[in-house]
Amino acid sequence: MSILGTLKVMLTADSGKFAQDMKAGQKAVNAFKDEIPGLGKALNLLTNPAVLAGSAIVALGKFAQDSFKEYVAYADQVRDLSRALDTNAEESSKLI
């Protein structure tokens, strides 16, 4: 028997134990969902692709908004410092 054939036999031999362990894990997750009210619904929402896509879009929008606010705050700091030191924005930005 070749090495590849031996490897295939070893992998298929252990898949039954893996399936049992996965079922036991799923039972544990289901029991945990039942213990905390609302957790089961929240986990089910996360498995819905449309909800995941919508959540990703919202998170991306929040990230863009926060980034823009930080950029504007930095630009304000550079402008204020350049006015106070009577320098240009490039020189002031190097000091911040």
PDB file of N, CA and C in Angstrom:
ATOM      1  N   MET A   1       0.857  -1.176   0.000  1.00  0.00           N
ATOM      2  CA  MET A   1       0.000   0.000   0.000  1.00  0.00           C
ATOM      3  C   MET A   1       0.900   1.236   0.000  1.00  0.00           C
ATOM      4  N   SER A   2       0.531   2.229  -0.771  1.00  0.00           N
ATOM      5  CA  SER A   2       1.345   3.440  -0.864  1.00  0.00           C
ATOM      6  C   SER A   2       1.139   4.322   0.367  1.00  0.00           C
ATOM      7  N   ILE A   3       1.982   5.329   0.491  1.00  0.00           N
ATOM      8  CA  ILE A   3       1.858   6.261   1.611  1.00  0.00           C
ATOM      9  C   ILE A   3       0.531   6.994   1.540  1.00  0.00           C
ATOM     10  N   LEU A   4       0.118   7.391   0.341  1.00  0.00           N
ATOM     11  CA  LEU A   4      -1.150   8.081   0.179  1.00  0.00           C
ATOM     12  C   LEU A   4      -2.320   7.192   0.575  1.00  0.00           C
ATOM     13  N   GLY A   5      -2.254   5.914   0.205  1.00  0.00           N
ATOM     14  CA  GLY A   5      -3.301   4.983   0.600  1.00  0.00           C
ATOM     15  C   GLY A   5      -3.348   4.779   2.099  1.00  0.00           C
ATOM     16  N   THR A   6      -2.197   4.739   2.741  1.00  0.00           N
ATOM     17  CA  THR A   6      -2.134   4.601   4.191  1.00  0.00           C
ATOM     18  C   THR A   6      -2.716   5.833   4.865  1.00  0.00           C
ATOM     19  N   LEU A   7      -2.375   6.989   4.330  1.00  0.00           N
ATOM     20  CA  LEU A   7      -2.892   8.237   4.881  1.00  0.00           C
ATOM     21  C   LEU A   7      -4.410   8.289   4.750  1.00  0.00           C
ATOM     22  N   LYS A   8      -4.954   7.846   3.634  1.00  0.00           N
ATOM     23  CA  LYS A   8      -6.401   7.850   3.429  1.00  0.00           C
ATOM     24  C   LYS A   8      -7.086   6.921   4.427  1.00  0.00           C
ATOM     25  N   VAL A   9      -6.525   5.797   4.662  1.00  0.00           N
ATOM     26  CA  VAL A   9      -7.104   4.847   5.612  1.00  0.00           C
ATOM     27  C   VAL A   9      -7.078   5.431   7.012  1.00  0.00           C
ATOM     28  N   MET A  10      -6.004   6.082   7.385  1.00  0.00           N
ATOM     29  CA  MET A  10      -5.902   6.659   8.723  1.00  0.00           C
ATOM     30  C   MET A  10      -6.905   7.787   8.905  1.00  0.00           C
ATOM     31  N   LEU A  11      -7.096   8.608   7.893  1.00  0.00           N
ATOM     32  CA  LEU A  11      -8.029   9.718   7.997  1.00  0.00           C
ATOM     33  C   LEU A  11      -9.474   9.241   8.069  1.00  0.00           C
ATOM     34  N   THR A  12      -9.828   8.259   7.290  1.00  0.00           N
ATOM     35  CA  THR A  12     -11.199   7.782   7.308  1.00  0.00           C
ATOM     36  C   THR A  12     -11.488   6.975   8.571  1.00  0.00           C
ATOM     37  N   ALA A  13     -10.480   6.374   9.147  1.00  0.00           N
ATOM     38  CA  ALA A  13     -10.691   5.585  10.353  1.00  0.00           C
ATOM     39  C   ALA A  13     -11.050   6.480  11.533  1.00  0.00           C
ATOM     40  N   ASP A  14     -10.507   7.690  11.587  1.00  0.00           N
ATOM     41  CA  ASP A  14     -10.753   8.583  12.711  1.00  0.00           C
ATOM     42  C   ASP A  14     -11.957   9.500  12.511  1.00  0.00           C
ATOM     43  N   SER A  15     -12.574   9.476  11.366  1.00  0.00           N
ATOM     44  CA  SER A  15     -13.683  10.399  11.117  1.00  0.00           C
ATOM     45  C   SER A  15     -14.913  10.069  11.960  1.00  0.00           C
ATOM     46  N   GLY A  16     -15.101   8.834  12.340  1.00  0.00           N
ATOM     47  CA  GLY A  16     -16.238   8.457  13.189  1.00  0.00           C
ATOM     48  C   GLY A  16     -16.136   9.106  14.560  1.00  0.00           C
ATOM     49  N   LYS A  17     -14.975   9.107  15.146  1.00  0.00           N
ATOM     50  CA  LYS A  17     -14.750   9.742  16.446  1.00  0.00           C
ATOM     51  C   LYS A  17     -14.944  11.254  16.321  1.00  0.00           C
ATOM     52  N   PHE A  18     -14.473  11.815  15.209  1.00  0.00           N
ATOM     53  CA  PHE A  18     -14.642  13.241  14.978  1.00  0.00           C
ATOM     54  C   PHE A  18     -16.122  13.604  14.914  1.00  0.00           C
ATOM     55  N   ALA A  19     -16.912  12.816  14.198  1.00  0.00           N
ATOM     56  CA  ALA A  19     -18.347  13.078  14.083  1.00  0.00           C
ATOM     57  C   ALA A  19     -19.026  12.994  15.444  1.00  0.00           C
ATOM     58  N   GLN A  20     -18.646  12.035  16.258  1.00  0.00           N
ATOM     59  CA  GLN A  20     -19.211  11.915  17.607  1.00  0.00           C
ATOM     60  C   GLN A  20     -18.872  13.148  18.446  1.00  0.00           C
ATOM     61  N   ASP A  21     -17.618  13.574  18.367  1.00  0.00           N
ATOM     62  CA  ASP A  21     -17.199  14.746  19.133  1.00  0.00           C
ATOM     63  C   ASP A  21     -17.919  16.008  18.670  1.00  0.00           C
ATOM     64  N   MET A  22     -18.144  16.129  17.377  1.00  0.00           N
ATOM     65  CA  MET A  22     -18.858  17.291  16.851  1.00  0.00           C
ATOM     66  C   MET A  22     -20.311  17.297  17.323  1.00  0.00           C
ATOM     67  N   LYS A  23     -20.940  16.137  17.357  1.00  0.00           N
ATOM     68  CA  LYS A  23     -22.313  16.055  17.863  1.00  0.00           C
ATOM     69  C   LYS A  23     -22.372  16.429  19.334  1.00  0.00           C
ATOM     70  N   ALA A  24     -21.399  15.966  20.107  1.00  0.00           N
ATOM     71  CA  ALA A  24     -21.352  16.302  21.530  1.00  0.00           C
ATOM     72  C   ALA A  24     -21.147  17.812  21.713  1.00  0.00           C
ATOM     73  N   GLY A  25     -20.306  18.383  20.878  1.00  0.00           N
ATOM     74  CA  GLY A  25     -20.088  19.824  20.939  1.00  0.00           C
ATOM     75  C   GLY A  25     -21.340  20.600  20.590  1.00  0.00           C
ATOM     76  N   GLN A  26     -22.068  20.138  19.584  1.00  0.00           N
ATOM     77  CA  GLN A  26     -23.311  20.801  19.192  1.00  0.00           C
ATOM     78  C   GLN A  26     -24.348  20.717  20.312  1.00  0.00           C
ATOM     79  N   LYS A  27     -24.413  19.587  20.991  1.00  0.00           N
ATOM     80  CA  LYS A  27     -25.334  19.446  22.123  1.00  0.00           C
ATOM     81  C   LYS A  27     -24.968  20.421  23.234  1.00  0.00           C
ATOM     82  N   ALA A  28     -23.672  20.589  23.486  1.00  0.00           N
ATOM     83  CA  ALA A  28     -23.226  21.512  24.530  1.00  0.00           C
ATOM     84  C   ALA A  28     -23.590  22.954  24.169  1.00  0.00           C
ATOM     85  N   VAL A  29     -23.424  23.316  22.894  1.00  0.00           N
ATOM     86  CA  VAL A  29     -23.781  24.670  22.457  1.00  0.00           C
ATOM     87  C   VAL A  29     -25.278  24.881  22.580  1.00  0.00           C
ATOM     88  N   ASN A  30     -26.055  23.899  22.186  1.00  0.00           N
ATOM     89  CA  ASN A  30     -27.516  24.017  22.295  1.00  0.00           C
ATOM     90  C   ASN A  30     -27.954  24.151  23.746  1.00  0.00           C
ATOM     91  N   ALA A  31     -27.322  23.397  24.642  1.00  0.00           N
ATOM     92  CA  ALA A  31     -27.655  23.498  26.065  1.00  0.00           C
ATOM     93  C   ALA A  31     -27.281  24.874  26.600  1.00  0.00           C
ATOM     94  N   PHE A  32     -26.165  25.404  26.147  1.00  0.00           N
ATOM     95  CA  PHE A  32     -25.727  26.727  26.579  1.00  0.00           C
ATOM     96  C   PHE A  32     -26.685  27.800  26.076  1.00  0.00           C
ATOM     97  N   LYS A  33     -27.154  27.664  24.837  1.00  0.00           N
ATOM     98  CA  LYS A  33     -28.108  28.632  24.286  1.00  0.00           C
ATOM     99  C   LYS A  33     -29.400  28.645  25.090  1.00  0.00           C
ATOM    100  N   ASP A  34     -29.803  27.477  25.586  1.00  0.00           N
ATOM    101  CA  ASP A  34     -31.041  27.399  26.358  1.00  0.00           C
ATOM    102  C   ASP A  34     -30.905  28.043  27.740  1.00  0.00           C
ATOM    103  N   GLU A  35     -29.693  28.104  28.269  1.00  0.00           N
ATOM    104  CA  GLU A  35     -29.479  28.658  29.604  1.00  0.00           C
ATOM    105  C   GLU A  35     -29.576  30.185  29.626  1.00  0.00           C
ATOM    106  N   ILE A  36     -29.210  30.836  28.541  1.00  0.00           N
ATOM    107  CA  ILE A  36     -29.211  32.299  28.502  1.00  0.00           C
ATOM    108  C   ILE A  36     -30.327  32.758  27.569  1.00  0.00           C
ATOM    109  N   PRO A  37     -31.327  33.473  28.111  1.00  0.00           N
ATOM    110  CA  PRO A  37     -32.440  33.919  27.274  1.00  0.00           C
ATOM    111  C   PRO A  37     -31.961  34.862  26.173  1.00  0.00           C
ATOM    112  N   GLY A  38     -32.415  34.629  24.970  1.00  0.00           N
ATOM    113  CA  GLY A  38     -32.092  35.495  23.839  1.00  0.00           C
ATOM    114  C   GLY A  38     -30.811  35.127  23.120  1.00  0.00           C
ATOM    115  N   LEU A  39     -29.963  34.302  23.722  1.00  0.00           N
ATOM    116  CA  LEU A  39     -28.703  33.948  23.076  1.00  0.00           C
ATOM    117  C   LEU A  39     -28.944  33.086  21.841  1.00  0.00           C
ATOM    118  N   GLY A  40     -29.888  32.181  21.931  1.00  0.00           N
ATOM    119  CA  GLY A  40     -30.185  31.333  20.777  1.00  0.00           C
ATOM    120  C   GLY A  40     -30.611  32.150  19.577  1.00  0.00           C
ATOM    121  N   LYS A  41     -31.465  33.147  19.788  1.00  0.00           N
ATOM    122  CA  LYS A  41     -31.911  34.001  18.688  1.00  0.00           C
ATOM    123  C   LYS A  41     -30.746  34.797  18.119  1.00  0.00           C
ATOM    124  N   ALA A  42     -29.881  35.301  18.992  1.00  0.00           N
ATOM    125  CA  ALA A  42     -28.725  36.066  18.533  1.00  0.00           C
ATOM    126  C   ALA A  42     -27.784  35.196  17.711  1.00  0.00           C
ATOM    127  N   LEU A  43     -27.533  33.970  18.157  1.00  0.00           N
ATOM    128  CA  LEU A  43     -26.658  33.076  17.399  1.00  0.00           C
ATOM    129  C   LEU A  43     -27.282  32.686  16.065  1.00  0.00           C
ATOM    130  N   ASN A  44     -28.602  32.505  16.034  1.00  0.00           N
ATOM    131  CA  ASN A  44     -29.264  32.181  14.777  1.00  0.00           C
ATOM    132  C   ASN A  44     -29.182  33.350  13.801  1.00  0.00           C
ATOM    133  N   LEU A  45     -29.261  34.580  14.302  1.00  0.00           N
ATOM    134  CA  LEU A  45     -29.133  35.749  13.427  1.00  0.00           C
ATOM    135  C   LEU A  45     -27.748  35.821  12.806  1.00  0.00           C
ATOM    136  N   LEU A  46     -26.735  35.416  13.565  1.00  0.00           N
ATOM    137  CA  LEU A  46     -25.381  35.472  13.043  1.00  0.00           C
ATOM    138  C   LEU A  46     -25.132  34.467  11.929  1.00  0.00           C
ATOM    139  N   THR A  47     -25.942  33.428  11.854  1.00  0.00           N
ATOM    140  CA  THR A  47     -25.755  32.452  10.789  1.00  0.00           C
ATOM    141  C   THR A  47     -26.481  32.844   9.515  1.00  0.00           C
ATOM    142  N   ASN A  48     -27.292  33.884   9.553  1.00  0.00           N
ATOM    143  CA  ASN A  48     -28.005  34.355   8.375  1.00  0.00           C
ATOM    144  C   ASN A  48     -27.063  35.230   7.546  1.00  0.00           C
ATOM    145  N   PRO A  49     -26.780  34.881   6.294  1.00  0.00           N
ATOM    146  CA  PRO A  49     -25.833  35.654   5.479  1.00  0.00           C
ATOM    147  C   PRO A  49     -26.256  37.111   5.280  1.00  0.00           C
ATOM    148  N   ALA A  50     -27.549  37.357   5.162  1.00  0.00           N
ATOM    149  CA  ALA A  50     -28.006  38.737   4.956  1.00  0.00           C
ATOM    150  C   ALA A  50     -27.728  39.581   6.193  1.00  0.00           C
ATOM    151  N   VAL A  51     -27.923  39.007   7.364  1.00  0.00           N
ATOM    152  CA  VAL A  51     -27.643  39.736   8.605  1.00  0.00           C
ATOM    153  C   VAL A  51     -26.154  39.991   8.733  1.00  0.00           C
ATOM    154  N   LEU A  52     -25.351  39.000   8.388  1.00  0.00           N
ATOM    155  CA  LEU A  52     -23.901  39.173   8.453  1.00  0.00           C
ATOM    156  C   LEU A  52     -23.436  40.267   7.493  1.00  0.00           C
ATOM    157  N   ALA A  53     -23.978  40.270   6.283  1.00  0.00           N
ATOM    158  CA  ALA A  53     -23.594  41.293   5.307  1.00  0.00           C
ATOM    159  C   ALA A  53     -24.028  42.679   5.780  1.00  0.00           C
ATOM    160  N   GLY A  54     -25.228  42.776   6.307  1.00  0.00           N
ATOM    161  CA  GLY A  54     -25.705  44.058   6.817  1.00  0.00           C
ATOM    162  C   GLY A  54     -24.864  44.552   7.975  1.00  0.00           C
ATOM    163  N   SER A  55     -24.494  43.648   8.855  1.00  0.00           N
ATOM    164  CA  SER A  55     -23.649  44.016   9.990  1.00  0.00           C
ATOM    165  C   SER A  55     -22.278  44.482   9.525  1.00  0.00           C
ATOM    166  N   ALA A  56     -21.752  43.825   8.508  1.00  0.00           N
ATOM    167  CA  ALA A  56     -20.450  44.225   7.966  1.00  0.00           C
ATOM    168  C   ALA A  56     -20.520  45.618   7.351  1.00  0.00           C
ATOM    169  N   ILE A  57     -21.604  45.909   6.656  1.00  0.00           N
ATOM    170  CA  ILE A  57     -21.765  47.228   6.041  1.00  0.00           C
ATOM    171  C   ILE A  57     -21.879  48.300   7.113  1.00  0.00           C
ATOM    172  N   VAL A  58     -22.640  48.029   8.154  1.00  0.00           N
ATOM    173  CA  VAL A  58     -22.780  48.990   9.259  1.00  0.00           C
ATOM    174  C   VAL A  58     -21.430  49.214   9.936  1.00  0.00           C
ATOM    175  N   ALA A  59     -20.694  48.141  10.182  1.00  0.00           N
ATOM    176  CA  ALA A  59     -19.383  48.263  10.828  1.00  0.00           C
ATOM    177  C   ALA A  59     -18.414  49.046   9.950  1.00  0.00           C
ATOM    178  N   LEU A  60     -18.447  48.812   8.650  1.00  0.00           N
ATOM    179  CA  LEU A  60     -17.584  49.540   7.726  1.00  0.00           C
ATOM    180  C   LEU A  60     -17.943  51.022   7.705  1.00  0.00           C
ATOM    181  N   GLY A  61     -19.235  51.328   7.714  1.00  0.00           N
ATOM    182  CA  GLY A  61     -19.674  52.715   7.753  1.00  0.00           C
ATOM    183  C   GLY A  61     -19.234  53.406   9.034  1.00  0.00           C
ATOM    184  N   LYS A  62     -19.342  52.717  10.158  1.00  0.00           N
ATOM    185  CA  LYS A  62     -18.906  53.277  11.445  1.00  0.00           C
ATOM    186  C   LYS A  62     -17.409  53.533  11.436  1.00  0.00           C
ATOM    187  N   PHE A  63     -16.648  52.590  10.882  1.00  0.00           N
ATOM    188  CA  PHE A  63     -15.207  52.757  10.788  1.00  0.00           C
ATOM    189  C   PHE A  63     -14.852  53.965   9.931  1.00  0.00           C
ATOM    190  N   ALA A  64     -15.515  54.120   8.792  1.00  0.00           N
ATOM    191  CA  ALA A  64     -15.251  55.254   7.911  1.00  0.00           C
ATOM    192  C   ALA A  64     -15.598  56.569   8.609  1.00  0.00           C
ATOM    193  N   GLN A  65     -16.714  56.595   9.292  1.00  0.00           N
ATOM    194  CA  GLN A  65     -17.132  57.810   9.996  1.00  0.00           C
ATOM    195  C   GLN A  65     -16.137  58.167  11.099  1.00  0.00           C
ATOM    196  N   ASP A  66     -15.723  57.193  11.890  1.00  0.00           N
ATOM    197  CA  ASP A  66     -14.762  57.444  12.961  1.00  0.00           C
ATOM    198  C   ASP A  66     -13.418  57.901  12.396  1.00  0.00           C
ATOM    199  N   SER A  67     -12.992  57.281  11.295  1.00  0.00           N
ATOM    200  CA  SER A  67     -11.730  57.669  10.674  1.00  0.00           C
ATOM    201  C   SER A  67     -11.784  59.103  10.178  1.00  0.00           C
ATOM    202  N   PHE A  68     -12.892  59.468   9.570  1.00  0.00           N
ATOM    203  CA  PHE A  68     -13.031  60.827   9.063  1.00  0.00           C
ATOM    204  C   PHE A  68     -13.022  61.834  10.209  1.00  0.00           C
ATOM    205  N   LYS A  69     -13.696  61.516  11.309  1.00  0.00           N
ATOM    206  CA  LYS A  69     -13.707  62.415  12.468  1.00  0.00           C
ATOM    207  C   LYS A  69     -12.299  62.605  13.033  1.00  0.00           C
ATOM    208  N   GLU A  70     -11.523  61.511  13.096  1.00  0.00           N
ATOM    209  CA  GLU A  70     -10.150  61.616  13.584  1.00  0.00           C
ATOM    210  C   GLU A  70      -9.299  62.452  12.636  1.00  0.00           C
ATOM    211  N   TYR A  71      -9.502  62.281  11.337  1.00  0.00           N
ATOM    212  CA  TYR A  71      -8.756  63.055  10.348  1.00  0.00           C
ATOM    213  C   TYR A  71      -9.072  64.545  10.481  1.00  0.00           C
ATOM    214  N   VAL A  72     -10.326  64.886  10.648  1.00  0.00           N
ATOM    215  CA  VAL A  72     -10.725  66.287  10.801  1.00  0.00           C
ATOM    216  C   VAL A  72     -10.143  66.865  12.090  1.00  0.00           C
ATOM    217  N   ALA A  73     -10.164  66.095  13.167  1.00  0.00           N
ATOM    218  CA  ALA A  73      -9.590  66.563  14.429  1.00  0.00           C
ATOM    219  C   ALA A  73      -8.089  66.812  14.276  1.00  0.00           C
ATOM    220  N   TYR A  74      -7.404  65.925  13.568  1.00  0.00           N
ATOM    221  CA  TYR A  74      -5.967  66.102  13.328  1.00  0.00           C
ATOM    222  C   TYR A  74      -5.720  67.341  12.479  1.00  0.00           C
ATOM    223  N   ALA A  75      -6.521  67.535  11.449  1.00  0.00           N
ATOM    224  CA  ALA A  75      -6.369  68.721  10.587  1.00  0.00           C
ATOM    225  C   ALA A  75      -6.592  69.994  11.391  1.00  0.00           C
ATOM    226  N   ASP A  76      -7.557  69.977  12.305  1.00  0.00           N
ATOM    227  CA  ASP A  76      -7.796  71.144  13.166  1.00  0.00           C
ATOM    228  C   ASP A  76      -6.584  71.415  14.051  1.00  0.00           C
ATOM    229  N   GLN A  77      -5.986  70.371  14.598  1.00  0.00           N
ATOM    230  CA  GLN A  77      -4.802  70.540  15.445  1.00  0.00           C
ATOM    231  C   GLN A  77      -3.643  71.130  14.647  1.00  0.00           C
ATOM    232  N   VAL A  78      -3.438  70.627  13.439  1.00  0.00           N
ATOM    233  CA  VAL A  78      -2.363  71.132  12.592  1.00  0.00           C
ATOM    234  C   VAL A  78      -2.611  72.599  12.255  1.00  0.00           C
ATOM    235  N   ARG A  79      -3.820  72.933  11.891  1.00  0.00           N
ATOM    236  CA  ARG A  79      -4.151  74.317  11.545  1.00  0.00           C
ATOM    237  C   ARG A  79      -3.935  75.243  12.737  1.00  0.00           C
ATOM    238  N   ASP A  80      -4.421  74.836  13.919  1.00  0.00           N
ATOM    239  CA  ASP A  80      -4.267  75.667  15.110  1.00  0.00           C
ATOM    240  C   ASP A  80      -2.796  75.851  15.471  1.00  0.00           C
ATOM    241  N   LEU A  81      -2.008  74.782  15.377  1.00  0.00           N
ATOM    242  CA  LEU A  81      -0.597  74.871  15.705  1.00  0.00           C
ATOM    243  C   LEU A  81       0.145  75.737  14.687  1.00  0.00           C
ATOM    244  N   SER A  82      -0.194  75.585  13.426  1.00  0.00           N
ATOM    245  CA  SER A  82       0.484  76.395  12.407  1.00  0.00           C
ATOM    246  C   SER A  82       0.158  77.873  12.578  1.00  0.00           C
ATOM    247  N   ARG A  83      -1.033  78.187  12.988  1.00  0.00           N
ATOM    248  CA  ARG A  83      -1.389  79.586  13.259  1.00  0.00           C
ATOM    249  C   ARG A  83      -0.645  80.109  14.485  1.00  0.00           C
ATOM    250  N   ALA A  84      -0.560  79.270  15.523  1.00  0.00           N
ATOM    251  CA  ALA A  84       0.106  79.705  16.752  1.00  0.00           C
ATOM    252  C   ALA A  84       1.601  79.903  16.547  1.00  0.00           C
ATOM    253  N   LEU A  85       2.228  79.063  15.731  1.00  0.00           N
ATOM    254  CA  LEU A  85       3.672  79.146  15.501  1.00  0.00           C
ATOM    255  C   LEU A  85       4.033  79.973  14.271  1.00  0.00           C
ATOM    256  N   ASP A  86       3.015  80.392  13.547  1.00  0.00           N
ATOM    257  CA  ASP A  86       3.209  81.164  12.313  1.00  0.00           C
ATOM    258  C   ASP A  86       4.077  80.389  11.318  1.00  0.00           C
ATOM    259  N   THR A  87       3.702  79.102  11.126  1.00  0.00           N
ATOM    260  CA  THR A  87       4.393  78.244  10.163  1.00  0.00           C
ATOM    261  C   THR A  87       3.356  77.670   9.209  1.00  0.00           C
ATOM    262  N   ASN A  88       3.839  76.912   8.237  1.00  0.00           N
ATOM    263  CA  ASN A  88       2.887  76.273   7.328  1.00  0.00           C
ATOM    264  C   ASN A  88       2.416  74.941   7.905  1.00  0.00           C
ATOM    265  N   ALA A  89       1.416  74.351   7.298  1.00  0.00           N
ATOM    266  CA  ALA A  89       0.805  73.119   7.800  1.00  0.00           C
ATOM    267  C   ALA A  89       1.774  71.954   7.773  1.00  0.00           C
ATOM    268  N   GLU A  90       2.629  71.890   6.775  1.00  0.00           N
ATOM    269  CA  GLU A  90       3.581  70.776   6.678  1.00  0.00           C
ATOM    270  C   GLU A  90       4.538  70.775   7.860  1.00  0.00           C
ATOM    271  N   GLU A  91       5.069  71.929   8.202  1.00  0.00           N
ATOM    272  CA  GLU A  91       5.995  72.009   9.339  1.00  0.00           C
ATOM    273  C   GLU A  91       5.273  71.717  10.660  1.00  0.00           C
ATOM    274  N   SER A  92       4.059  72.203  10.783  1.00  0.00           N
ATOM    275  CA  SER A  92       3.295  71.963  12.016  1.00  0.00           C
ATOM    276  C   SER A  92       2.941  70.488  12.172  1.00  0.00           C
ATOM    277  N   SER A  93       2.617  69.827  11.079  1.00  0.00           N
ATOM    278  CA  SER A  93       2.234  68.407  11.165  1.00  0.00           C
ATOM    279  C   SER A  93       3.402  67.541  11.597  1.00  0.00           C
ATOM    280  N   LYS A  94       4.616  67.967  11.310  1.00  0.00           N
ATOM    281  CA  LYS A  94       5.802  67.205  11.742  1.00  0.00           C
ATOM    282  C   LYS A  94       5.989  67.288  13.248  1.00  0.00           C
ATOM    283  N   LEU A  95       5.462  68.344  13.869  1.00  0.00           N
ATOM    284  CA  LEU A  95       5.613  68.526  15.310  1.00  0.00           C
ATOM    285  C   LEU A  95       4.585  67.736  16.100  1.00  0.00           C
ATOM    286  N   ILE A  96       3.489  67.380  15.477  1.00  0.00           N
ATOM    287  CA  ILE A  96       2.411  66.673  16.196  1.00  0.00           C
ATOM    288  C   ILE A  96       2.674  65.196  16.190  1.00  0.00           C
TER     289      ILE A  96
END
